[in-house]
C-alpha atoms as a PDB file:
ATOM      1  CA  MET A   1     -55.276  47.688 -39.338  1.00  0.00           C
ATOM      2  CA  THR A   2     -58.630  47.234 -41.013  1.00  0.00           C
ATOM      3  CA  ALA A   3     -61.311  49.906 -41.227  1.00  0.00           C
ATOM      4  CA  SER A   4     -63.487  48.065 -38.710  1.00  0.00           C
ATOM      5  CA  GLU A   5     -60.599  47.754 -36.244  1.00  0.00           C
ATOM      6  CA  LEU A   6     -59.796  51.458 -36.520  1.00  0.00           C
ATOM      7  CA  GLU A   7     -63.477  52.387 -36.223  1.00  0.00           C
ATOM      8  CA  ALA A   8     -63.718  50.319 -33.044  1.00  0.00           C
ATOM      9  CA  LEU A   9     -60.679  52.110 -31.584  1.00  0.00           C
ATOM     10  CA  LEU A  10     -62.071  55.501 -32.542  1.00  0.00           C
ATOM     11  CA  ASP A  11     -65.485  54.635 -31.095  1.00  0.00           C
ATOM     12  CA  ALA A  12     -63.902  53.543 -27.821  1.00  0.00           C
ATOM     13  CA  HIS A  13     -61.882  56.747 -27.574  1.00  0.00           C
ATOM     14  CA  ASP A  14     -64.934  58.841 -28.479  1.00  0.00           C
ATOM     15  CA  VAL A  15     -66.632  57.272 -25.458  1.00  0.00           C
ATOM     16  CA  LEU A  16     -63.656  58.191 -23.256  1.00  0.00           C
ATOM     17  CA  VAL A  17     -63.750  61.815 -24.429  1.00  0.00           C
ATOM     18  CA  LYS A  18     -67.510  62.010 -23.794  1.00  0.00           C
ATOM     19  CA  ALA A  19     -67.133  60.428 -20.355  1.00  0.00           C
ATOM     20  CA  TYR A  20     -64.443  62.929 -19.405  1.00  0.00           C
ATOM     21  CA  VAL A  21     -66.463  65.901 -20.633  1.00  0.00           C
ATOM     22  CA  ASP A  22     -69.525  64.588 -18.779  1.00  0.00           C
ATOM     23  CA  SER A  23     -67.380  64.257 -15.628  1.00  0.00           C
ATOM     24  CA  SER A  24     -67.857  60.497 -15.506  1.00  0.00           C
ATOM     25  CA  LEU A  25     -64.053  60.186 -15.532  1.00  0.00           C
ATOM     26  CA  THR A  26     -61.530  62.215 -13.587  1.00  0.00           C
ATOM     27  CA  PHE A  27     -58.596  63.776 -15.418  1.00  0.00           C
ATOM     28  CA  ALA A  28     -56.265  61.064 -14.111  1.00  0.00           C
ATOM     29  CA  GLU A  29     -58.657  58.288 -15.183  1.00  0.00           C
ATOM     30  CA  PHE A  30     -59.099  59.868 -18.599  1.00  0.00           C
ATOM     31  CA  VAL A  31     -55.359  60.289 -19.194  1.00  0.00           C
ATOM     32  CA  SER A  32     -54.687  56.734 -18.061  1.00  0.00           C
ATOM     33  CA  ALA A  33     -57.393  55.230 -20.281  1.00  0.00           C
ATOM     34  CA  TYR A  34     -56.764  57.473 -23.298  1.00  0.00           C
ATOM     35  CA  ASP A  35     -53.060  56.661 -23.083  1.00  0.00           C
ATOM     36  CA  ASP A  36     -51.134  57.939 -26.094  1.00  0.00           C
ATOM     37  CA  PHE A  37     -53.904  57.426 -28.628  1.00  0.00           C
ATOM     38  CA  PRO A  38     -53.699  57.722 -31.612  1.00  0.00           C
ATOM     39  CA  HIS A  39     -49.906  58.082 -31.654  1.00  0.00           C
ATOM     40  CA  ASN A  40     -49.361  54.619 -30.216  1.00  0.00           C
ATOM     41  CA  TYR A  41     -50.978  53.151 -33.351  1.00  0.00           C
ATOM     42  CA  GLY A  42     -48.813  54.976 -35.914  1.00  0.00           C
ATOM     43  CA  LEU A  43     -51.770  56.819 -37.410  1.00  0.00           C
ATOM     44  CA  ASP A  44     -49.742  59.658 -38.886  1.00  0.00           C
ATOM     45  CA  GLY A  45     -50.176  58.878 -42.577  1.00  0.00           C
ATOM     46  CA  GLN A  46     -46.429  58.421 -43.033  1.00  0.00           C
ATOM     47  CA  THR A  47     -46.122  54.760 -42.204  1.00  0.00           C
ATOM     48  CA  GLY A  48     -48.136  51.621 -42.735  1.00  0.00           C
ATOM     49  CA  THR A  49     -49.183  49.453 -45.601  1.00  0.00           C
ATOM     50  CA  THR A  50     -51.110  50.673 -48.622  1.00  0.00           C
ATOM     51  CA  GLU A  51     -54.269  49.195 -47.096  1.00  0.00           C
ATOM     52  CA  GLU A  52     -53.662  51.052 -43.803  1.00  0.00           C
ATOM     53  CA  ARG A  53     -53.184  54.329 -45.673  1.00  0.00           C
ATOM     54  CA  VAL A  54     -56.484  53.742 -47.513  1.00  0.00           C
ATOM     55  CA  VAL A  55     -58.209  53.131 -44.177  1.00  0.00           C
ATOM     56  CA  LEU A  56     -56.618  56.287 -42.795  1.00  0.00           C
ATOM     57  CA  ARG A  57     -57.925  58.243 -45.785  1.00  0.00           C
ATOM     58  CA  LEU A  58     -61.422  56.990 -44.998  1.00  0.00           C
ATOM     59  CA  LEU A  59     -61.226  57.788 -41.285  1.00  0.00           C
ATOM     60  CA  GLY A  60     -58.640  60.571 -41.320  1.00  0.00           C
ATOM     61  CA  ARG A  61     -60.992  63.249 -40.016  1.00  0.00           C
ATOM     62  CA  ARG A  62     -61.830  61.169 -36.953  1.00  0.00           C
ATOM     63  CA  VAL A  63     -58.147  60.453 -36.364  1.00  0.00           C
ATOM     64  CA  ALA A  64     -57.408  64.189 -36.751  1.00  0.00           C
ATOM     65  CA  PHE A  65     -59.897  64.999 -33.983  1.00  0.00           C
ATOM     66  CA  HIS A  66     -58.181  62.543 -31.654  1.00  0.00           C
ATOM     67  CA  LEU A  67     -54.773  63.952 -32.564  1.00  0.00           C
ATOM     68  CA  ARG A  68     -56.088  67.295 -31.301  1.00  0.00           C
ATOM     69  CA  VAL A  69     -57.336  65.717 -28.062  1.00  0.00           C
ATOM     70  CA  SER A  70     -53.968  64.013 -27.647  1.00  0.00           C
ATOM     71  CA  SER A  71     -52.235  67.334 -28.164  1.00  0.00           C
ATOM     72  CA  VAL A  72     -54.224  68.860 -25.302  1.00  0.00           C
ATOM     73  CA  VAL A  73     -53.450  65.941 -23.011  1.00  0.00           C
ATOM     74  CA  SER A  74     -49.754  65.760 -23.878  1.00  0.00           C
ATOM     75  CA  GLY A  75     -49.359  69.517 -23.516  1.00  0.00           C
ATOM     76  CA  LEU A  76     -50.769  69.334 -20.024  1.00  0.00           C
ATOM     77  CA  ARG A  77     -48.629  66.341 -19.122  1.00  0.00           C
ATOM     78  CA  ALA A  78     -45.591  68.398 -20.135  1.00  0.00           C
ATOM     79  CA  ALA A  79     -46.801  71.168 -17.834  1.00  0.00           C
ATOM     80  CA  ASP A  80     -47.357  68.728 -14.980  1.00  0.00           C
ATOM     81  CA  ASP A  81     -44.897  70.517 -12.723  1.00  0.00           C
ATOM     82  CA  PRO A  82     -44.853  74.152 -13.815  1.00  0.00           C
ATOM     83  CA  ALA A  83     -42.497  76.326 -11.781  1.00  0.00           C
ATOM     84  CA  ASP A  84     -44.967  79.167 -11.397  1.00  0.00           C
ATOM     85  CA  ILE A  85     -47.866  77.058 -10.033  1.00  0.00           C
ATOM     86  CA  SER A  86     -47.824  75.379  -6.663  1.00  0.00           C
ATOM     87  CA  ASN A  87     -48.355  71.610  -6.632  1.00  0.00           C
ATOM     88  CA  ALA A  88     -51.706  71.973  -4.874  1.00  0.00           C
ATOM     89  CA  ASP A  89     -52.908  74.506  -7.440  1.00  0.00           C
ATOM     90  CA  ALA A  90     -51.574  72.462 -10.369  1.00  0.00           C
ATOM     91  CA  GLY A  91     -53.665  69.508  -9.200  1.00  0.00           C
ATOM     92  CA  ARG A  92     -56.800  71.604  -9.681  1.00  0.00           C
ATOM     93  CA  PHE A  93     -55.655  73.828 -12.538  1.00  0.00           C
ATOM     94  CA  LEU A  94     -54.475  71.252 -15.103  1.00  0.00           C
ATOM     95  CA  PRO A  95     -57.667  69.129 -15.085  1.00  0.00           C
ATOM     96  CA  ALA A  96     -59.760  72.302 -15.395  1.00  0.00           C
ATOM     97  CA  VAL A  97     -57.687  73.463 -18.366  1.00  0.00           C
ATOM     98  CA  ALA A  98     -57.946  70.048 -20.018  1.00  0.00           C
ATOM     99  CA  LEU A  99     -61.703  69.956 -19.552  1.00  0.00           C
ATOM    100  CA  THR A 100     -62.109  73.458 -20.976  1.00  0.00           C
ATOM    101  CA  ARG A 101     -59.903  72.764 -23.981  1.00  0.00           C
ATOM    102  CA  ILE A 102     -61.519  69.434 -24.789  1.00  0.00           C
ATOM    103  CA  ARG A 103     -64.974  70.992 -24.465  1.00  0.00           C
ATOM    104  CA  GLU A 104     -63.807  73.679 -26.914  1.00  0.00           C
ATOM    105  CA  LEU A 105     -62.701  70.952 -29.337  1.00  0.00           C
ATOM    106  CA  ILE A 106     -66.087  69.271 -29.095  1.00  0.00           C
ATOM    107  CA  ALA A 107     -67.857  72.594 -29.649  1.00  0.00           C
ATOM    108  CA  ARG A 108     -65.745  73.143 -32.754  1.00  0.00           C
ATOM    109  CA  TYR A 109     -65.986  69.523 -33.952  1.00  0.00           C
ATOM    110  CA  PRO A 110     -69.283  68.147 -32.562  1.00  0.00           C
ATOM    111  CA  ASP A 111     -69.119  65.128 -34.861  1.00  0.00           C
ATOM    112  CA  PHE A 112     -65.605  64.311 -33.585  1.00  0.00           C
ATOM    113  CA  LYS A 113     -64.174  64.931 -37.066  1.00  0.00           C
ATOM    114  CA  ALA A 114     -61.492  67.529 -37.824  1.00  0.00           C
ATOM    115  CA  GLU A 115     -59.467  68.437 -40.863  1.00  0.00           C
ATOM    116  CA  PRO A 116     -56.281  66.354 -40.903  1.00  0.00           C
ATOM    117  CA  ASP A 117     -52.983  68.153 -40.403  1.00  0.00           C
ATOM    118  CA  PHE A 118     -51.203  65.263 -42.079  1.00  0.00           C
ATOM    119  CA  ARG A 119     -50.933  64.007 -45.631  1.00  0.00           C
ATOM    120  CA  ILE A 120     -52.093  60.530 -46.454  1.00  0.00           C
END
């Protein structure tokens, strides 16, 4: 993947995060559109060509931010049917938690760049 291709993907997913935080997207719409980004592109620094690893070095902080967003989303998907929360309450609770946590990420990383937790 070239730098411009990765930048385009990151830009598109930045827009999704902003739309969710601005309540332009529901939780379900956000999760569906965000999908499993960036995991579904193998952006972990362990695989890929030399060129892809160079690109990841250049854009690693942006990827790291999206890995954090993905962690929030996947953690809530895993808690989709918690035993101690009724289904009706879970439908309201999980989107509220996601919104709060993603807003916290944006407050901490307003430029959508975080320190990578992976080696490149």
